PDB file of N, CA and C in Angstrom:
ATOM      1  N   UNK A   1       9.639 178.219  95.932  1.00  0.00           N
ATOM      2  CA  UNK A   1      10.782 178.486  95.110  1.00  0.00           C
ATOM      3  C   UNK A   1      11.221 177.177  94.477  1.00  0.00           C
ATOM      4  N   UNK A   2      11.347 177.137  93.175  1.00  0.00           N
ATOM      5  CA  UNK A   2      11.822 175.945  92.479  1.00  0.00           C
ATOM      6  C   UNK A   2      13.284 176.156  92.158  1.00  0.00           C
ATOM      7  N   UNK A   3      14.086 175.138  92.406  1.00  0.00           N
ATOM      8  CA  UNK A   3      15.500 175.280  92.127  1.00  0.00           C
ATOM      9  C   UNK A   3      16.052 173.984  91.588  1.00  0.00           C
ATOM     10  N   UNK A   4      17.045 174.117  90.704  1.00  0.00           N
ATOM     11  CA  UNK A   4      17.666 172.950  90.098  1.00  0.00           C
ATOM     12  C   UNK A   4      18.965 172.561  90.800  1.00  0.00           C
ATOM     13  N   UNK A   5      19.544 173.465  91.569  1.00  0.00           N
ATOM     14  CA  UNK A   5      20.778 173.175  92.268  1.00  0.00           C
ATOM     15  C   UNK A   5      20.685 173.715  93.694  1.00  0.00           C
ATOM     16  N   UNK A   6      21.470 173.137  94.603  1.00  0.00           N
ATOM     17  CA  UNK A   6      21.405 173.592  95.998  1.00  0.00           C
ATOM     18  C   UNK A   6      21.754 175.075  96.128  1.00  0.00           C
ATOM     19  N   UNK A   7      21.079 175.733  97.039  1.00  0.00           N
ATOM     20  CA  UNK A   7      21.328 177.139  97.314  1.00  0.00           C
ATOM     21  C   UNK A   7      21.326 177.350  98.812  1.00  0.00           C
ATOM     22  N   UNK A   8      22.135 178.317  99.253  1.00  0.00           N
ATOM     23  CA  UNK A   8      22.093 178.726 100.647  1.00  0.00           C
ATOM     24  C   UNK A   8      21.121 179.871 100.760  1.00  0.00           C
ATOM     25  N   UNK A   9      20.307 179.833 101.771  1.00  0.00           N
ATOM     26  CA  UNK A   9      19.319 180.882 101.990  1.00  0.00           C
ATOM     27  C   UNK A   9      19.217 181.123 103.484  1.00  0.00           C
ATOM     28  N   UNK A  10      19.365 182.360 103.877  1.00  0.00           N
ATOM     29  CA  UNK A  10      19.209 182.721 105.285  1.00  0.00           C
ATOM     30  C   UNK A  10      17.929 183.512 105.423  1.00  0.00           C
ATOM     31  N   UNK A  11      17.088 183.078 106.338  1.00  0.00           N
ATOM     32  CA  UNK A  11      15.827 183.765 106.588  1.00  0.00           C
ATOM     33  C   UNK A  11      15.823 184.177 108.048  1.00  0.00           C
ATOM     34  N   UNK A  12      15.608 185.458 108.290  1.00  0.00           N
ATOM     35  CA  UNK A  12      15.508 185.964 109.648  1.00  0.00           C
ATOM     36  C   UNK A  12      14.051 186.312 109.899  1.00  0.00           C
ATOM     37  N   UNK A  13      13.481 185.685 110.906  1.00  0.00           N
ATOM     38  CA  UNK A  13      12.086 185.930 111.239  1.00  0.00           C
ATOM     39  C   UNK A  13      12.040 186.949 112.359  1.00  0.00           C
ATOM     40  N   UNK A  14      11.475 188.094 112.068  1.00  0.00           N
ATOM     41  CA  UNK A  14      11.355 189.153 113.061  1.00  0.00           C
ATOM     42  C   UNK A  14      10.302 188.772 114.096  1.00  0.00           C
ATOM     43  N   UNK A  15      10.461 189.328 115.276  1.00  0.00           N
ATOM     44  CA  UNK A  15       9.440 189.127 116.300  1.00  0.00           C
ATOM     45  C   UNK A  15       8.117 189.645 115.743  1.00  0.00           C
ATOM     46  N   UNK A  16       7.084 188.870 115.896  1.00  0.00           N
ATOM     47  CA  UNK A  16       5.777 189.208 115.347  1.00  0.00           C
ATOM     48  C   UNK A  16       4.750 188.875 116.411  1.00  0.00           C
ATOM     49  N   UNK A  17       3.886 189.801 116.697  1.00  0.00           N
ATOM     50  CA  UNK A  17       2.923 189.549 117.772  1.00  0.00           C
ATOM     51  C   UNK A  17       1.975 188.407 117.450  1.00  0.00           C
ATOM     52  N   UNK A  18       1.897 187.996 116.192  1.00  0.00           N
ATOM     53  CA  UNK A  18       1.033 186.878 115.815  1.00  0.00           C
ATOM     54  C   UNK A  18       1.773 185.541 115.844  1.00  0.00           C
ATOM     55  N   UNK A  19       3.091 185.562 115.918  1.00  0.00           N
ATOM     56  CA  UNK A  19       3.868 184.330 115.778  1.00  0.00           C
ATOM     57  C   UNK A  19       3.996 183.599 117.109  1.00  0.00           C
ATOM     58  N   UNK A  20       3.255 182.531 117.246  1.00  0.00           N
ATOM     59  CA  UNK A  20       3.348 181.661 118.403  1.00  0.00           C
ATOM     60  C   UNK A  20       4.396 180.600 118.100  1.00  0.00           C
ATOM     61  N   UNK A  21       4.411 180.171 116.869  1.00  0.00           N
ATOM     62  CA  UNK A  21       5.359 179.187 116.364  1.00  0.00           C
ATOM     63  C   UNK A  21       5.421 179.378 114.851  1.00  0.00           C
ATOM     64  N   UNK A  22       6.341 178.682 114.229  1.00  0.00           N
ATOM     65  CA  UNK A  22       6.513 178.784 112.777  1.00  0.00           C
ATOM     66  C   UNK A  22       6.407 177.398 112.161  1.00  0.00           C
ATOM     67  N   UNK A  23       6.016 177.362 110.889  1.00  0.00           N
ATOM     68  CA  UNK A  23       5.852 176.095 110.194  1.00  0.00           C
ATOM     69  C   UNK A  23       6.433 176.246 108.793  1.00  0.00           C
ATOM     70  N   UNK A  24       7.405 175.416 108.478  1.00  0.00           N
ATOM     71  CA  UNK A  24       8.027 175.407 107.149  1.00  0.00           C
ATOM     72  C   UNK A  24       7.531 174.168 106.419  1.00  0.00           C
ATOM     73  N   UNK A  25       6.967 174.364 105.251  1.00  0.00           N
ATOM     74  CA  UNK A  25       6.493 173.251 104.433  1.00  0.00           C
ATOM     75  C   UNK A  25       6.991 173.461 103.015  1.00  0.00           C
ATOM     76  N   UNK A  26       7.720 172.503 102.512  1.00  0.00           N
ATOM     77  CA  UNK A  26       8.192 172.561 101.129  1.00  0.00           C
ATOM     78  C   UNK A  26       7.429 171.551 100.302  1.00  0.00           C
ATOM     79  N   UNK A  27       7.125 171.913  99.084  1.00  0.00           N
ATOM     80  CA  UNK A  27       6.392 171.011  98.195  1.00  0.00           C
ATOM     81  C   UNK A  27       7.346 170.552  97.098  1.00  0.00           C
ATOM     82  N   UNK A  28       7.474 169.244  96.974  1.00  0.00           N
ATOM     83  CA  UNK A  28       8.385 168.684  95.981  1.00  0.00           C
ATOM     84  C   UNK A  28       7.731 168.658  94.604  1.00  0.00           C
ATOM     85  N   UNK A  29       8.566 168.619  93.604  1.00  0.00           N
ATOM     86  CA  UNK A  29       8.078 168.536  92.220  1.00  0.00           C
ATOM     87  C   UNK A  29       8.885 167.472  91.472  1.00  0.00           C
ATOM     88  N   UNK A  30       8.374 167.056  90.355  1.00  0.00           N
ATOM     89  CA  UNK A  30       9.058 166.173  89.400  1.00  0.00           C
ATOM     90  C   UNK A  30       9.691 164.940  90.006  1.00  0.00           C
ATOM     91  N   UNK A  31       9.032 163.921  90.322  1.00  0.00           N
ATOM     92  CA  UNK A  31       7.587 163.792  90.418  1.00  0.00           C
ATOM     93  C   UNK A  31       7.118 164.195  91.815  1.00  0.00           C
ATOM     94  N   UNK A  32       5.902 164.687  91.895  1.00  0.00           N
ATOM     95  CA  UNK A  32       5.343 165.086  93.175  1.00  0.00           C
ATOM     96  C   UNK A  32       4.949 163.847  93.972  1.00  0.00           C
ATOM     97  N   UNK A  33       5.439 163.762  95.202  1.00  0.00           N
ATOM     98  CA  UNK A  33       5.024 162.712  96.135  1.00  0.00           C
ATOM     99  C   UNK A  33       4.942 163.366  97.508  1.00  0.00           C
ATOM    100  N   UNK A  34       3.774 163.372  98.122  1.00  0.00           N
ATOM    101  CA  UNK A  34       3.575 164.078  99.379  1.00  0.00           C
ATOM    102  C   UNK A  34       4.555 163.632 100.454  1.00  0.00           C
ATOM    103  N   UNK A  35       4.951 162.366 100.445  1.00  0.00           N
ATOM    104  CA  UNK A  35       5.855 161.881 101.488  1.00  0.00           C
ATOM    105  C   UNK A  35       7.261 162.469 101.375  1.00  0.00           C
ATOM    106  N   UNK A  36       7.574 163.102 100.243  1.00  0.00           N
ATOM    107  CA  UNK A  36       8.880 163.743 100.064  1.00  0.00           C
ATOM    108  C   UNK A  36       8.888 165.205 100.498  1.00  0.00           C
ATOM    109  N   UNK A  37       7.732 165.747 100.859  1.00  0.00           N
ATOM    110  CA  UNK A  37       7.654 167.155 101.253  1.00  0.00           C
ATOM    111  C   UNK A  37       8.302 167.373 102.614  1.00  0.00           C
ATOM    112  N   UNK A  38       9.220 168.341 102.708  1.00  0.00           N
ATOM    113  CA  UNK A  38       9.813 168.639 104.009  1.00  0.00           C
ATOM    114  C   UNK A  38       8.868 169.467 104.874  1.00  0.00           C
ATOM    115  N   UNK A  39       8.766 169.108 106.138  1.00  0.00           N
ATOM    116  CA  UNK A  39       7.942 169.837 107.103  1.00  0.00           C
ATOM    117  C   UNK A  39       8.796 170.080 108.342  1.00  0.00           C
ATOM    118  N   UNK A  40       8.736 171.298 108.865  1.00  0.00           N
ATOM    119  CA  UNK A  40       9.446 171.635 110.092  1.00  0.00           C
ATOM    120  C   UNK A  40       8.631 172.652 110.865  1.00  0.00           C
ATOM    121  N   UNK A  41       8.278 172.307 112.083  1.00  0.00           N
ATOM    122  CA  UNK A  41       7.624 173.248 112.990  1.00  0.00           C
ATOM    123  C   UNK A  41       8.670 173.653 114.017  1.00  0.00           C
ATOM    124  N   UNK A  42       8.674 174.932 114.382  1.00  0.00           N
ATOM    125  CA  UNK A  42       9.633 175.377 115.382  1.00  0.00           C
ATOM    126  C   UNK A  42       9.103 176.587 116.130  1.00  0.00           C
ATOM    127  N   UNK A  43       9.693 176.811 117.304  1.00  0.00           N
ATOM    128  CA  UNK A  43       9.276 177.916 118.158  1.00  0.00           C
ATOM    129  C   UNK A  43      10.509 178.612 118.711  1.00  0.00           C
ATOM    130  N   UNK A  44      10.307 179.843 119.151  1.00  0.00           N
ATOM    131  CA  UNK A  44      11.414 180.606 119.728  1.00  0.00           C
ATOM    132  C   UNK A  44      11.955 179.915 120.961  1.00  0.00           C
ATOM    133  N   UNK A  45      13.294 179.933 121.083  1.00  0.00           N
ATOM    134  CA  UNK A  45      13.974 179.379 122.251  1.00  0.00           C
ATOM    135  C   UNK A  45      15.324 180.088 122.351  1.00  0.00           C
ATOM    136  N   UNK A  46      15.365 181.232 123.025  1.00  0.00           N
ATOM    137  CA  UNK A  46      16.604 182.002 123.109  1.00  0.00           C
ATOM    138  C   UNK A  46      17.788 181.145 123.580  1.00  0.00           C
ATOM    139  N   UNK A  47      18.889 181.254 122.845  1.00  0.00           N
ATOM    140  CA  UNK A  47      20.103 180.525 123.183  1.00  0.00           C
ATOM    141  C   UNK A  47      20.184 179.120 122.609  1.00  0.00           C
ATOM    142  N   UNK A  48      19.106 178.627 122.041  1.00  0.00           N
ATOM    143  CA  UNK A  48      19.086 177.266 121.492  1.00  0.00           C
ATOM    144  C   UNK A  48      19.648 177.307 120.070  1.00  0.00           C
ATOM    145  N   UNK A  49      20.459 176.319 119.722  1.00  0.00           N
ATOM    146  CA  UNK A  49      21.030 176.218 118.373  1.00  0.00           C
ATOM    147  C   UNK A  49      21.025 174.750 117.977  1.00  0.00           C
ATOM    148  N   UNK A  50      20.568 174.480 116.776  1.00  0.00           N
ATOM    149  CA  UNK A  50      20.564 173.100 116.291  1.00  0.00           C
ATOM    150  C   UNK A  50      20.671 173.113 114.764  1.00  0.00           C
ATOM    151  N   UNK A  51      21.380 172.141 114.231  1.00  0.00           N
ATOM    152  CA  UNK A  51      21.432 171.909 112.784  1.00  0.00           C
ATOM    153  C   UNK A  51      20.757 170.574 112.540  1.00  0.00           C
ATOM    154  N   UNK A  52      19.760 170.574 111.670  1.00  0.00           N
ATOM    155  CA  UNK A  52      19.012 169.350 111.409  1.00  0.00           C
ATOM    156  C   UNK A  52      18.798 169.167 109.914  1.00  0.00           C
ATOM    157  N   UNK A  53      18.544 167.953 109.527  1.00  0.00           N
ATOM    158  CA  UNK A  53      18.230 167.617 108.146  1.00  0.00           C
ATOM    159  C   UNK A  53      16.732 167.343 108.076  1.00  0.00           C
ATOM    160  N   UNK A  54      16.041 168.049 107.197  1.00  0.00           N
ATOM    161  CA  UNK A  54      14.604 167.869 106.998  1.00  0.00           C
ATOM    162  C   UNK A  54      14.418 167.520 105.525  1.00  0.00           C
ATOM    163  N   UNK A  55      14.281 166.220 105.281  1.00  0.00           N
ATOM    164  CA  UNK A  55      14.278 165.693 103.901  1.00  0.00           C
ATOM    165  C   UNK A  55      15.556 166.176 103.217  1.00  0.00           C
ATOM    166  N   UNK A  56      15.465 166.914 102.117  1.00  0.00           N
ATOM    167  CA  UNK A  56      16.665 167.368 101.409  1.00  0.00           C
ATOM    168  C   UNK A  56      17.147 168.744 101.854  1.00  0.00           C
ATOM    169  N   UNK A  57      16.566 169.271 102.915  1.00  0.00           N
ATOM    170  CA  UNK A  57      16.952 170.596 103.401  1.00  0.00           C
ATOM    171  C   UNK A  57      17.843 170.480 104.632  1.00  0.00           C
ATOM    172  N   UNK A  58      18.972 171.186 104.625  1.00  0.00           N
ATOM    173  CA  UNK A  58      19.792 171.315 105.821  1.00  0.00           C
ATOM    174  C   UNK A  58      19.359 172.617 106.483  1.00  0.00           C
ATOM    175  N   UNK A  59      18.878 172.529 107.716  1.00  0.00           N
ATOM    176  CA  UNK A  59      18.317 173.689 108.399  1.00  0.00           C
ATOM    177  C   UNK A  59      19.113 173.953 109.677  1.00  0.00           C
ATOM    178  N   UNK A  60      19.486 175.207 109.864  1.00  0.00           N
ATOM    179  CA  UNK A  60      20.123 175.648 111.095  1.00  0.00           C
ATOM    180  C   UNK A  60      19.156 176.580 111.799  1.00  0.00           C
ATOM    181  N   UNK A  61      18.834 176.257 113.032  1.00  0.00           N
ATOM    182  CA  UNK A  61      17.952 177.106 113.826  1.00  0.00           C
ATOM    183  C   UNK A  61      18.774 177.781 114.915  1.00  0.00           C
ATOM    184  N   UNK A  62      18.737 179.084 114.970  1.00  0.00           N
ATOM    185  CA  UNK A  62      19.360 179.858 116.027  1.00  0.00           C
ATOM    186  C   UNK A  62      18.250 180.520 116.829  1.00  0.00           C
ATOM    187  N   UNK A  63      18.311 180.380 118.123  1.00  0.00           N
ATOM    188  CA  UNK A  63      17.296 180.929 119.024  1.00  0.00           C
ATOM    189  C   UNK A  63      15.908 180.357 118.748  1.00  0.00           C
ATOM    190  N   UNK A  64      15.882 179.132 118.271  1.00  0.00           N
ATOM    191  CA  UNK A  64      14.617 178.433 118.000  1.00  0.00           C
ATOM    192  C   UNK A  64      14.865 176.934 118.141  1.00  0.00           C
ATOM    193  N   UNK A  65      13.804 176.202 118.498  1.00  0.00           N
ATOM    194  CA  UNK A  65      13.919 174.747 118.613  1.00  0.00           C
ATOM    195  C   UNK A  65      12.781 174.091 117.846  1.00  0.00           C
ATOM    196  N   UNK A  66      13.056 172.901 117.289  1.00  0.00           N
ATOM    197  CA  UNK A  66      12.017 172.191 116.552  1.00  0.00           C
ATOM    198  C   UNK A  66      10.898 171.714 117.476  1.00  0.00           C
ATOM    199  N   UNK A  67       9.717 171.643 116.926  1.00  0.00           N
ATOM    200  CA  UNK A  67       8.568 171.056 117.615  1.00  0.00           C
ATOM    201  C   UNK A  67       8.339 169.702 116.939  1.00  0.00           C
ATOM    202  N   UNK A  68       8.441 168.611 117.678  1.00  0.00           N
ATOM    203  CA  UNK A  68       8.260 167.302 117.042  1.00  0.00           C
ATOM    204  C   UNK A  68       6.814 167.089 116.593  1.00  0.00           C
ATOM    205  N   UNK A  69       6.671 166.419 115.478  1.00  0.00           N
ATOM    206  CA  UNK A  69       5.340 166.063 114.996  1.00  0.00           C
ATOM    207  C   UNK A  69       4.921 164.785 115.703  1.00  0.00           C
ATOM    208  N   UNK A  70       3.762 164.853 116.328  1.00  0.00           N
ATOM    209  CA  UNK A  70       3.246 163.712 117.062  1.00  0.00           C
ATOM    210  C   UNK A  70       1.729 163.832 117.144  1.00  0.00           C
ATOM    211  N   UNK A  71       1.088 162.710 117.313  1.00  0.00           N
ATOM    212  CA  UNK A  71      -0.367 162.723 117.445  1.00  0.00           C
ATOM    213  C   UNK A  71      -0.803 162.770 118.908  1.00  0.00           C
ATOM    214  N   UNK A  72       0.149 162.948 119.835  1.00  0.00           N
ATOM    215  CA  UNK A  72      -0.188 162.868 121.260  1.00  0.00           C
ATOM    216  C   UNK A  72      -1.152 163.959 121.723  1.00  0.00           C
ATOM    217  N   UNK A  73      -1.241 165.070 121.003  1.00  0.00           N
ATOM    218  CA  UNK A  73      -2.134 166.156 121.415  1.00  0.00           C
ATOM    219  C   UNK A  73      -3.525 166.069 120.780  1.00  0.00           C
ATOM    220  N   UNK A  74      -3.746 165.056 119.956  1.00  0.00           N
ATOM    221  CA  UNK A  74      -5.059 164.907 119.325  1.00  0.00           C
ATOM    222  C   UNK A  74      -6.001 164.266 120.338  1.00  0.00           C
ATOM    223  N   UNK A  75      -7.058 164.978 120.736  1.00  0.00           N
ATOM    224  CA  UNK A  75      -7.968 164.411 121.736  1.00  0.00           C
ATOM    225  C   UNK A  75      -8.698 163.183 121.185  1.00  0.00           C
ATOM    226  N   UNK A  76      -8.840 162.143 121.997  1.00  0.00           N
ATOM    227  CA  UNK A  76      -9.487 160.922 121.516  1.00  0.00           C
ATOM    228  C   UNK A  76     -10.943 161.131 121.117  1.00  0.00           C
ATOM    229  N   UNK A  77     -11.586 162.191 121.637  1.00  0.00           N
ATOM    230  CA  UNK A  77     -12.977 162.431 121.276  1.00  0.00           C
ATOM    231  C   UNK A  77     -13.121 163.291 120.012  1.00  0.00           C
ATOM    232  N   UNK A  78     -11.998 163.676 119.401  1.00  0.00           N
ATOM    233  CA  UNK A  78     -12.061 164.411 118.136  1.00  0.00           C
ATOM    234  C   UNK A  78     -12.678 163.492 117.081  1.00  0.00           C
ATOM    235  N   UNK A  79     -13.634 163.980 116.301  1.00  0.00           N
ATOM    236  CA  UNK A  79     -14.314 163.118 115.320  1.00  0.00           C
ATOM    237  C   UNK A  79     -13.365 162.455 114.317  1.00  0.00           C
ATOM    238  N   UNK A  80     -12.178 163.035 114.087  1.00  0.00           N
ATOM    239  CA  UNK A  80     -11.246 162.455 113.119  1.00  0.00           C
ATOM    240  C   UNK A  80     -10.035 161.786 113.765  1.00  0.00           C
ATOM    241  N   UNK A  81     -10.041 161.633 115.087  1.00  0.00           N
ATOM    242  CA  UNK A  81      -8.889 161.066 115.790  1.00  0.00           C
ATOM    243  C   UNK A  81      -8.529 159.670 115.295  1.00  0.00           C
ATOM    244  N   UNK A  82      -9.514 158.886 114.921  1.00  0.00           N
ATOM    245  CA  UNK A  82      -9.249 157.530 114.448  1.00  0.00           C
ATOM    246  C   UNK A  82      -9.006 157.430 112.953  1.00  0.00           C
ATOM    247  N   UNK A  83      -9.061 158.558 112.258  1.00  0.00           N
ATOM    248  CA  UNK A  83      -8.880 158.571 110.810  1.00  0.00           C
ATOM    249  C   UNK A  83      -7.396 158.741 110.499  1.00  0.00           C
ATOM    250  N   UNK A  84      -6.768 157.733 109.917  1.00  0.00           N
ATOM    251  CA  UNK A  84      -5.327 157.757 109.653  1.00  0.00           C
ATOM    252  C   UNK A  84      -4.930 158.947 108.784  1.00  0.00           C
ATOM    253  N   UNK A  85      -5.766 159.334 107.811  1.00  0.00           N
ATOM    254  CA  UNK A  85      -5.431 160.459 106.949  1.00  0.00           C
ATOM    255  C   UNK A  85      -5.316 161.758 107.746  1.00  0.00           C
ATOM    256  N   UNK A  86      -6.075 161.897 108.806  1.00  0.00           N
ATOM    257  CA  UNK A  86      -5.971 163.077 109.658  1.00  0.00           C
ATOM    258  C   UNK A  86      -4.853 162.892 110.687  1.00  0.00           C
ATOM    259  N   UNK A  87      -4.876 161.769 111.400  1.00  0.00           N
ATOM    260  CA  UNK A  87      -3.960 161.560 112.519  1.00  0.00           C
ATOM    261  C   UNK A  87      -2.494 161.578 112.101  1.00  0.00           C
ATOM    262  N   UNK A  88      -2.195 161.244 110.858  1.00  0.00           N
ATOM    263  CA  UNK A  88      -0.805 161.247 110.391  1.00  0.00           C
ATOM    264  C   UNK A  88      -0.440 162.531 109.651  1.00  0.00           C
ATOM    265  N   UNK A  89      -1.373 163.439 109.495  1.00  0.00           N
ATOM    266  CA  UNK A  89      -1.120 164.705 108.792  1.00  0.00           C
ATOM    267  C   UNK A  89      -0.323 165.641 109.704  1.00  0.00           C
ATOM    268  N   UNK A  90       0.848 166.063 109.244  1.00  0.00           N
ATOM    269  CA  UNK A  90       1.705 166.911 110.062  1.00  0.00           C
ATOM    270  C   UNK A  90       1.081 168.281 110.319  1.00  0.00           C
ATOM    271  N   UNK A  91       0.351 168.810 109.354  1.00  0.00           N
ATOM    272  CA  UNK A  91      -0.335 170.091 109.561  1.00  0.00           C
ATOM    273  C   UNK A  91      -1.362 169.963 110.694  1.00  0.00           C
ATOM    274  N   UNK A  92      -2.108 168.876 110.679  1.00  0.00           N
ATOM    275  CA  UNK A  92      -3.145 168.647 111.690  1.00  0.00           C
ATOM    276  C   UNK A  92      -2.524 168.409 113.060  1.00  0.00           C
ATOM    277  N   UNK A  93      -1.415 167.656 113.114  1.00  0.00           N
ATOM    278  CA  UNK A  93      -0.709 167.433 114.369  1.00  0.00           C
ATOM    279  C   UNK A  93      -0.208 168.763 114.940  1.00  0.00           C
ATOM    280  N   UNK A  94       0.324 169.624 114.074  1.00  0.00           N
ATOM    281  CA  UNK A  94       0.821 170.937 114.502  1.00  0.00           C
ATOM    282  C   UNK A  94      -0.322 171.790 115.048  1.00  0.00           C
ATOM    283  N   UNK A  95      -1.461 171.772 114.386  1.00  0.00           N
ATOM    284  CA  UNK A  95      -2.616 172.536 114.861  1.00  0.00           C
ATOM    285  C   UNK A  95      -3.024 172.069 116.261  1.00  0.00           C
ATOM    286  N   UNK A  96      -3.004 170.762 116.498  1.00  0.00           N
ATOM    287  CA  UNK A  96      -3.361 170.243 117.820  1.00  0.00           C
ATOM    288  C   UNK A  96      -2.281 170.541 118.853  1.00  0.00           C
ATOM    289  N   UNK A  97      -1.022 170.620 118.422  1.00  0.00           N
ATOM    290  CA  UNK A  97       0.052 171.049 119.329  1.00  0.00           C
ATOM    291  C   UNK A  97      -0.232 172.467 119.813  1.00  0.00           C
ATOM    292  N   UNK A  98      -0.593 173.352 118.895  1.00  0.00           N
ATOM    293  CA  UNK A  98      -0.907 174.734 119.262  1.00  0.00           C
ATOM    294  C   UNK A  98      -2.114 174.784 120.193  1.00  0.00           C
ATOM    295  N   UNK A  99      -3.112 173.982 119.886  1.00  0.00           N
ATOM    296  CA  UNK A  99      -4.314 173.948 120.723  1.00  0.00           C
ATOM    297  C   UNK A  99      -3.974 173.490 122.136  1.00  0.00           C
ATOM    298  N   UNK A 100      -3.118 172.460 122.256  1.00  0.00           N
ATOM    299  CA  UNK A 100      -2.711 171.961 123.568  1.00  0.00           C
ATOM    300  C   UNK A 100      -1.890 173.005 124.323  1.00  0.00           C
ATOM    301  N   UNK A 101      -1.213 173.884 123.579  1.00  0.00           N
ATOM    302  CA  UNK A 101      -0.426 174.952 124.202  1.00  0.00           C
ATOM    303  C   UNK A 101      -1.308 176.117 124.632  1.00  0.00           C
ATOM    304  N   UNK A 102      -2.603 175.998 124.368  1.00  0.00           N
ATOM    305  CA  UNK A 102      -3.534 177.028 124.804  1.00  0.00           C
ATOM    306  C   UNK A 102      -3.916 178.032 123.742  1.00  0.00           C
ATOM    307  N   UNK A 103      -3.503 177.796 122.503  1.00  0.00           N
ATOM    308  CA  UNK A 103      -3.835 178.718 121.419  1.00  0.00           C
ATOM    309  C   UNK A 103      -5.168 178.294 120.817  1.00  0.00           C
ATOM    310  N   UNK A 104      -6.189 179.057 121.083  1.00  0.00           N
ATOM    311  CA  UNK A 104      -7.502 178.779 120.494  1.00  0.00           C
ATOM    312  C   UNK A 104      -7.802 179.848 119.457  1.00  0.00           C
ATOM    313  N   UNK A 105      -7.603 181.082 119.841  1.00  0.00           N
ATOM    314  CA  UNK A 105      -7.746 182.193 118.895  1.00  0.00           C
ATOM    315  C   UNK A 105      -6.585 183.137 119.117  1.00  0.00           C
ATOM    316  N   UNK A 106      -6.274 183.887 118.115  1.00  0.00           N
ATOM    317  CA  UNK A 106      -5.217 184.886 118.212  1.00  0.00           C
ATOM    318  C   UNK A 106      -5.891 186.237 118.274  1.00  0.00           C
ATOM    319  N   UNK A 107      -5.696 186.980 119.369  1.00  0.00           N
ATOM    320  CA  UNK A 107      -6.361 188.273 119.485  1.00  0.00           C
ATOM    321  C   UNK A 107      -5.836 189.265 118.463  1.00  0.00           C
ATOM    322  N   UNK A 108      -6.690 190.200 118.108  1.00  0.00           N
ATOM    323  CA  UNK A 108      -6.277 191.248 117.174  1.00  0.00           C
ATOM    324  C   UNK A 108      -6.629 190.895 115.748  1.00  0.00           C
ATOM    325  N   UNK A 109      -6.293 191.812 114.892  1.00  0.00           N
ATOM    326  CA  UNK A 109      -6.582 191.641 113.479  1.00  0.00           C
ATOM    327  C   UNK A 109      -5.615 190.638 112.873  1.00  0.00           C
ATOM    328  N   UNK A 110      -6.119 189.779 112.010  1.00  0.00           N
ATOM    329  CA  UNK A 110      -5.289 188.783 111.336  1.00  0.00           C
ATOM    330  C   UNK A 110      -4.357 189.488 110.368  1.00  0.00           C
ATOM    331  N   UNK A 111      -3.066 189.114 110.335  1.00  0.00           N
ATOM    332  CA  UNK A 111      -2.144 189.778 109.419  1.00  0.00           C
ATOM    333  C   UNK A 111      -2.559 189.596 107.973  1.00  0.00           C
ATOM    334  N   UNK A 112      -2.351 190.607 107.174  1.00  0.00           N
ATOM    335  CA  UNK A 112      -2.677 190.540 105.740  1.00  0.00           C
ATOM    336  C   UNK A 112      -1.629 189.729 105.001  1.00  0.00           C
ATOM    337  N   UNK A 113      -2.010 189.206 103.857  1.00  0.00           N
ATOM    338  CA  UNK A 113      -1.075 188.472 103.031  1.00  0.00           C
ATOM    339  C   UNK A 113      -1.062 186.982 103.315  1.00  0.00           C
ATOM    340  N   UNK A 114      -1.822 186.534 104.304  1.00  0.00           N
ATOM    341  CA  UNK A 114      -1.923 185.108 104.571  1.00  0.00           C
ATOM    342  C   UNK A 114      -3.197 184.603 103.927  1.00  0.00           C
ATOM    343  N   UNK A 115      -3.073 183.560 103.137  1.00  0.00           N
ATOM    344  CA  UNK A 115      -4.232 183.039 102.424  1.00  0.00           C
ATOM    345  C   UNK A 115      -5.317 182.539 103.356  1.00  0.00           C
ATOM    346  N   UNK A 116      -6.546 182.685 102.944  1.00  0.00           N
ATOM    347  CA  UNK A 116      -7.662 182.185 103.740  1.00  0.00           C
ATOM    348  C   UNK A 116      -8.390 181.070 103.014  1.00  0.00           C
ATOM    349  N   UNK A 117      -7.938 180.728 101.827  1.00  0.00           N
ATOM    350  CA  UNK A 117      -8.593 179.660 101.083  1.00  0.00           C
ATOM    351  C   UNK A 117      -8.325 178.310 101.714  1.00  0.00           C
ATOM    352  N   UNK A 118      -9.253 177.413 101.587  1.00  0.00           N
ATOM    353  CA  UNK A 118      -9.094 176.079 102.145  1.00  0.00           C
ATOM    354  C   UNK A 118      -8.681 175.111 101.070  1.00  0.00           C
ATOM    355  N   UNK A 119      -7.864 174.173 101.451  1.00  0.00           N
ATOM    356  CA  UNK A 119      -7.436 173.085 100.582  1.00  0.00           C
ATOM    357  C   UNK A 119      -7.886 171.816 101.282  1.00  0.00           C
ATOM    358  N   UNK A 120      -8.495 170.862 100.573  1.00  0.00           N
ATOM    359  CA  UNK A 120      -8.937 169.642 101.235  1.00  0.00           C
ATOM    360  C   UNK A 120      -7.790 169.005 102.039  1.00  0.00           C
ATOM    361  N   UNK A 121      -8.076 168.664 103.289  1.00  0.00           N
ATOM    362  CA  UNK A 121      -7.075 168.046 104.143  1.00  0.00           C
ATOM    363  C   UNK A 121      -6.241 169.034 104.917  1.00  0.00           C
ATOM    364  N   UNK A 122      -6.464 170.344 104.712  1.00  0.00           N
ATOM    365  CA  UNK A 122      -5.711 171.354 105.448  1.00  0.00           C
ATOM    366  C   UNK A 122      -6.694 172.239 106.187  1.00  0.00           C
ATOM    367  N   UNK A 123      -6.186 172.920 107.195  1.00  0.00           N
ATOM    368  CA  UNK A 123      -7.043 173.843 107.922  1.00  0.00           C
ATOM    369  C   UNK A 123      -6.370 175.195 108.012  1.00  0.00           C
ATOM    370  N   UNK A 124      -7.155 176.211 108.227  1.00  0.00           N
ATOM    371  CA  UNK A 124      -6.649 177.559 108.397  1.00  0.00           C
ATOM    372  C   UNK A 124      -6.759 177.918 109.855  1.00  0.00           C
ATOM    373  N   UNK A 125      -5.651 178.339 110.446  1.00  0.00           N
ATOM    374  CA  UNK A 125      -5.679 178.810 111.832  1.00  0.00           C
ATOM    375  C   UNK A 125      -5.844 180.321 111.815  1.00  0.00           C
ATOM    376  N   UNK A 126      -6.782 180.822 112.580  1.00  0.00           N
ATOM    377  CA  UNK A 126      -6.983 182.263 112.674  1.00  0.00           C
ATOM    378  C   UNK A 126      -6.924 182.671 114.117  1.00  0.00           C
TER     379      UNK A 126
END
């Protein structure tokens, strides 16, 4: 969504059998700089409430808590562990967080409407 002025938006995420965690990624424009993109990973946490600032976004999480981005879950024997472009990528860190949590595959049919195309530097979790 492109916007010229601040807007309030409430998003309610329904319980979904495929949702282990959620990932919010915003892409900045005019001028585009990847370091300005807001990223937020979060998971369900009943009773938890937090208001946080993620780049230019003010986010309130109810019944959810943020998952910090860190490279601590990247195994040292991973072929790209020493590659700064991978090790500092928040998408890649999140994927390894899920892997460390025991998520290797998601049973059942993959939900429709989720893109399967690959973008260099990104991965698709199925």
